[in-house]
C-alpha atoms as a PDB file:
ATOM      1  CA  MET A   1      -0.064  13.165 -30.064  1.00  0.00           C
ATOM      2  CA  ASN A   2       1.989  14.846 -27.331  1.00  0.00           C
ATOM      3  CA  THR A   3       2.805  12.275 -24.640  1.00  0.00           C
ATOM      4  CA  PRO A   4       5.338  11.683 -21.857  1.00  0.00           C
ATOM      5  CA  TYR A   5       5.400   7.936 -22.605  1.00  0.00           C
ATOM      6  CA  SER A   6       8.589   7.222 -24.538  1.00  0.00           C
ATOM      7  CA  GLN A   7       9.531   3.732 -25.650  1.00  0.00           C
ATOM      8  CA  ARG A   8      12.150   3.567 -22.861  1.00  0.00           C
ATOM      9  CA  ILE A   9       9.591   4.572 -20.213  1.00  0.00           C
ATOM     10  CA  LEU A  10       7.245   1.853 -21.404  1.00  0.00           C
ATOM     11  CA  GLN A  11      10.100  -0.653 -21.466  1.00  0.00           C
ATOM     12  CA  LEU A  12      11.040   0.168 -17.869  1.00  0.00           C
ATOM     13  CA  ALA A  13       7.405   0.076 -16.766  1.00  0.00           C
ATOM     14  CA  GLY A  14       7.123  -3.444 -18.110  1.00  0.00           C
ATOM     15  CA  ASN A  15      10.248  -4.660 -16.297  1.00  0.00           C
ATOM     16  CA  ILE A  16      10.021  -3.575 -12.656  1.00  0.00           C
ATOM     17  CA  GLY A  17      12.530  -5.330 -10.442  1.00  0.00           C
ATOM     18  CA  ARG A  18      12.719  -6.155  -6.764  1.00  0.00           C
ATOM     19  CA  ILE A  19       8.987  -6.894  -6.489  1.00  0.00           C
ATOM     20  CA  GLY A  20       7.937  -8.541  -3.244  1.00  0.00           C
ATOM     21  CA  HIS A  21       8.861  -8.298   0.404  1.00  0.00           C
ATOM     22  CA  LEU A  22      12.020  -8.473   2.468  1.00  0.00           C
ATOM     23  CA  ASP A  23      12.303 -11.013   5.271  1.00  0.00           C
ATOM     24  CA  SER A  24      13.400  -8.436   7.841  1.00  0.00           C
ATOM     25  CA  PRO A  25      13.200  -4.862   6.542  1.00  0.00           C
ATOM     26  CA  GLN A  26      14.442  -2.089   8.763  1.00  0.00           C
ATOM     27  CA  ALA A  27      11.776   0.276   7.408  1.00  0.00           C
ATOM     28  CA  ARG A  28       8.547   0.150   5.410  1.00  0.00           C
ATOM     29  CA  ALA A  29       6.602   2.961   3.750  1.00  0.00           C
ATOM     30  CA  HIS A  30       3.545   3.405   1.581  1.00  0.00           C
ATOM     31  CA  ALA A  31       2.783   6.336  -0.733  1.00  0.00           C
ATOM     32  CA  VAL A  32      -0.403   7.133  -2.662  1.00  0.00           C
ATOM     33  CA  SER A  33      -1.158   9.733  -5.292  1.00  0.00           C
ATOM     34  CA  ARG A  34      -4.491  11.285  -4.363  1.00  0.00           C
ATOM     35  CA  LEU A  35      -4.858  12.580  -7.901  1.00  0.00           C
ATOM     36  CA  CYS A  36      -4.716   9.287  -9.790  1.00  0.00           C
ATOM     37  CA  GLY A  37      -4.747   6.553  -7.150  1.00  0.00           C
ATOM     38  CA  SER A  38      -1.293   5.220  -7.991  1.00  0.00           C
ATOM     39  CA  LYS A  39       0.365   3.616  -4.989  1.00  0.00           C
ATOM     40  CA  ILE A  40       3.617   2.013  -3.952  1.00  0.00           C
ATOM     41  CA  SER A  41       4.880   0.207  -0.886  1.00  0.00           C
ATOM     42  CA  VAL A  42       8.606  -0.103  -0.272  1.00  0.00           C
ATOM     43  CA  GLU A  43      10.796  -1.904   2.225  1.00  0.00           C
ATOM     44  CA  LEU A  44      14.492  -1.355   2.741  1.00  0.00           C
ATOM     45  CA  SER A  45      17.450  -2.163   4.903  1.00  0.00           C
ATOM     46  CA  LEU A  46      20.712  -0.270   5.289  1.00  0.00           C
ATOM     47  CA  ASP A  47      24.182  -1.595   5.979  1.00  0.00           C
ATOM     48  CA  GLU A  48      26.568  -0.281   8.643  1.00  0.00           C
ATOM     49  CA  ASN A  49      27.713   2.482   6.246  1.00  0.00           C
ATOM     50  CA  LYS A  50      24.120   3.709   5.764  1.00  0.00           C
ATOM     51  CA  CYS A  51      23.996   2.421   2.199  1.00  0.00           C
ATOM     52  CA  VAL A  52      21.011   0.458   0.928  1.00  0.00           C
ATOM     53  CA  ALA A  53      21.700  -3.236   1.485  1.00  0.00           C
ATOM     54  CA  ASP A  54      18.313  -4.586   0.404  1.00  0.00           C
ATOM     55  CA  TYR A  55      15.126  -3.242  -1.157  1.00  0.00           C
ATOM     56  CA  ALA A  56      11.716  -4.537  -2.219  1.00  0.00           C
ATOM     57  CA  GLN A  57       8.580  -2.902  -3.543  1.00  0.00           C
ATOM     58  CA  HIS A  58       4.974  -3.459  -4.510  1.00  0.00           C
ATOM     59  CA  VAL A  59       3.781  -1.125  -7.272  1.00  0.00           C
ATOM     60  CA  GLU A  60       0.243  -0.307  -8.410  1.00  0.00           C
ATOM     61  CA  ALA A  61       0.845   2.777 -10.520  1.00  0.00           C
ATOM     62  CA  CYS A  62       0.616   4.234 -13.992  1.00  0.00           C
ATOM     63  CA  ALA A  63       3.439   3.669 -16.477  1.00  0.00           C
ATOM     64  CA  LEU A  64       5.324   6.718 -15.195  1.00  0.00           C
ATOM     65  CA  GLY A  65       5.179   5.558 -11.590  1.00  0.00           C
ATOM     66  CA  GLN A  66       6.169   2.082 -12.731  1.00  0.00           C
ATOM     67  CA  ALA A  67       9.119   3.430 -14.715  1.00  0.00           C
ATOM     68  CA  ALA A  68      10.351   5.460 -11.745  1.00  0.00           C
ATOM     69  CA  ALA A  69      10.004   2.370  -9.517  1.00  0.00           C
ATOM     70  CA  ALA A  70      11.910   0.279 -12.065  1.00  0.00           C
ATOM     71  CA  ILE A  71      14.772   2.789 -12.073  1.00  0.00           C
ATOM     72  CA  MET A  72      14.795   2.818  -8.274  1.00  0.00           C
ATOM     73  CA  ALA A  73      14.935  -0.981  -8.177  1.00  0.00           C
ATOM     74  CA  GLN A  74      17.806  -1.198 -10.670  1.00  0.00           C
ATOM     75  CA  ASP A  75      19.974   1.447  -9.003  1.00  0.00           C
ATOM     76  CA  ILE A  76      19.201   1.658  -5.267  1.00  0.00           C
ATOM     77  CA  ILE A  77      21.359  -1.168  -3.891  1.00  0.00           C
ATOM     78  CA  GLY A  78      24.628   0.252  -2.575  1.00  0.00           C
ATOM     79  CA  THR A  79      23.420   3.846  -2.747  1.00  0.00           C
ATOM     80  CA  PRO A  80      24.148   5.904   0.389  1.00  0.00           C
ATOM     81  CA  ALA A  81      21.096   7.307   2.171  1.00  0.00           C
ATOM     82  CA  THR A  82      22.439  10.853   1.782  1.00  0.00           C
ATOM     83  CA  ASP A  83      22.608  10.369  -1.991  1.00  0.00           C
ATOM     84  CA  LEU A  84      19.008   9.149  -2.083  1.00  0.00           C
ATOM     85  CA  HIS A  85      17.867  12.374  -0.442  1.00  0.00           C
ATOM     86  CA  LYS A  86      19.792  14.356  -3.063  1.00  0.00           C
ATOM     87  CA  ILE A  87      18.363  12.289  -5.921  1.00  0.00           C
ATOM     88  CA  ALA A  88      14.806  12.806  -4.645  1.00  0.00           C
ATOM     89  CA  ALA A  89      15.401  16.557  -4.323  1.00  0.00           C
ATOM     90  CA  HIS A  90      16.814  16.648  -7.878  1.00  0.00           C
ATOM     91  CA  MET A  91      13.763  14.799  -9.190  1.00  0.00           C
ATOM     92  CA  ARG A  92      11.360  17.251  -7.531  1.00  0.00           C
ATOM     93  CA  ALA A  93      13.355  20.194  -8.847  1.00  0.00           C
ATOM     94  CA  MET A  94      13.521  18.665 -12.336  1.00  0.00           C
ATOM     95  CA  LEU A  95       9.755  18.244 -12.528  1.00  0.00           C
ATOM     96  CA  LYS A  96       8.595  21.340 -10.690  1.00  0.00           C
ATOM     97  CA  GLU A  97      11.350  23.936 -11.204  1.00  0.00           C
ATOM     98  CA  ASN A  98      12.811  23.170 -14.659  1.00  0.00           C
ATOM     99  CA  ALA A  99      16.076  21.945 -13.124  1.00  0.00           C
ATOM    100  CA  PRO A 100      18.246  19.443 -14.973  1.00  0.00           C
ATOM    101  CA  PRO A 101      17.861  15.717 -14.264  1.00  0.00           C
ATOM    102  CA  PRO A 102      19.787  14.185 -11.373  1.00  0.00           C
ATOM    103  CA  PRO A 103      23.355  13.508 -12.469  1.00  0.00           C
ATOM    104  CA  PRO A 104      24.307   9.857 -12.916  1.00  0.00           C
ATOM    105  CA  THR A 105      27.037   8.396 -10.754  1.00  0.00           C
ATOM    106  CA  ALA A 106      30.447   7.568 -12.205  1.00  0.00           C
ATOM    107  CA  ASP A 107      29.332   3.960 -12.733  1.00  0.00           C
ATOM    108  CA  GLY A 108      26.185   5.048 -14.613  1.00  0.00           C
ATOM    109  CA  LYS A 109      23.643   4.540 -11.850  1.00  0.00           C
ATOM    110  CA  TRP A 110      20.601   6.812 -12.030  1.00  0.00           C
ATOM    111  CA  GLN A 111      21.195   7.812 -15.670  1.00  0.00           C
ATOM    112  CA  ASP A 112      17.715   6.562 -16.636  1.00  0.00           C
ATOM    113  CA  LEU A 113      16.111   9.251 -14.448  1.00  0.00           C
ATOM    114  CA  ALA A 114      16.781  11.701 -17.283  1.00  0.00           C
ATOM    115  CA  ILE A 115      14.102  10.025 -19.406  1.00  0.00           C
ATOM    116  CA  LEU A 116      11.502  11.154 -16.875  1.00  0.00           C
ATOM    117  CA  GLU A 117      12.263  14.781 -17.735  1.00  0.00           C
ATOM    118  CA  THR A 118       9.415  14.655 -20.277  1.00  0.00           C
ATOM    119  CA  VAL A 119       6.981  14.402 -17.356  1.00  0.00           C
ATOM    120  CA  ARG A 120       7.754  18.024 -16.465  1.00  0.00           C
ATOM    121  CA  ALA A 121       5.146  19.213 -18.989  1.00  0.00           C
ATOM    122  CA  TYR A 122       2.420  17.120 -17.279  1.00  0.00           C
ATOM    123  CA  PRO A 123       1.929  18.431 -13.713  1.00  0.00           C
ATOM    124  CA  ALA A 124      -0.901  15.962 -13.112  1.00  0.00           C
ATOM    125  CA  ARG A 125       1.680  13.157 -13.534  1.00  0.00           C
ATOM    126  CA  HIS A 126       4.301  14.540 -11.139  1.00  0.00           C
ATOM    127  CA  ALA A 127       2.850  12.885  -8.028  1.00  0.00           C
ATOM    128  CA  SER A 128       2.788   9.377  -9.480  1.00  0.00           C
ATOM    129  CA  THR A 129       6.302   9.787 -10.860  1.00  0.00           C
ATOM    130  CA  LEU A 130       7.602  10.901  -7.454  1.00  0.00           C
ATOM    131  CA  LEU A 131       5.815   8.221  -5.392  1.00  0.00           C
ATOM    132  CA  VAL A 132       8.790   5.899  -5.121  1.00  0.00           C
ATOM    133  CA  PHE A 133      11.033   8.766  -4.006  1.00  0.00           C
ATOM    134  CA  ASP A 134       8.495   9.813  -1.378  1.00  0.00           C
ATOM    135  CA  ALA A 135       8.259   6.270  -0.029  1.00  0.00           C
ATOM    136  CA  VAL A 136      12.029   5.746   0.048  1.00  0.00           C
ATOM    137  CA  GLU A 137      12.511   9.056   1.857  1.00  0.00           C
ATOM    138  CA  ASP A 138       9.822   8.037   4.354  1.00  0.00           C
ATOM    139  CA  CYS A 139      11.833   4.879   5.081  1.00  0.00           C
ATOM    140  CA  LEU A 140      15.025   6.904   5.498  1.00  0.00           C
ATOM    141  CA  GLN A 141      13.248   9.274   7.863  1.00  0.00           C
ATOM    142  CA  GLN A 142      12.120   6.288   9.957  1.00  0.00           C
ATOM    143  CA  LEU A 143      15.768   5.232  10.153  1.00  0.00           C
ATOM    144  CA  ALA A 144      16.835   8.789  11.031  1.00  0.00           C
ATOM    145  CA  VAL A 145      19.201   9.105   8.071  1.00  0.00           C
END
């Protein structure tokens, strides 16, 4: 059976972090996949250097959306807003244009995004995989960064 669901994707999907709400988020966003009904809500706050200081999420998505949200939760804290825009653009290009996965940082953050490369062959799954990136970018847009 040809499937995008690797053992690592399923492991991530079962261990999503940063679930809940922030006390005082600077921005909130909600994203929904019209194709499958997956949805995510995110909240975030930035520090004075425009790096993510805090993050929370509520995820109701398929395993791919859950895995992407788990990766976001494990790696977003401390990430500059400008880098998040680049990571989201890399993810879209990886899935839709056969580009390579986003490069990990020197300390290994974002390396798990490469496992989502298998989703490329399943266009119907792109939207749910990208939900968390859409929601985070919505928050950044609200904060004008």
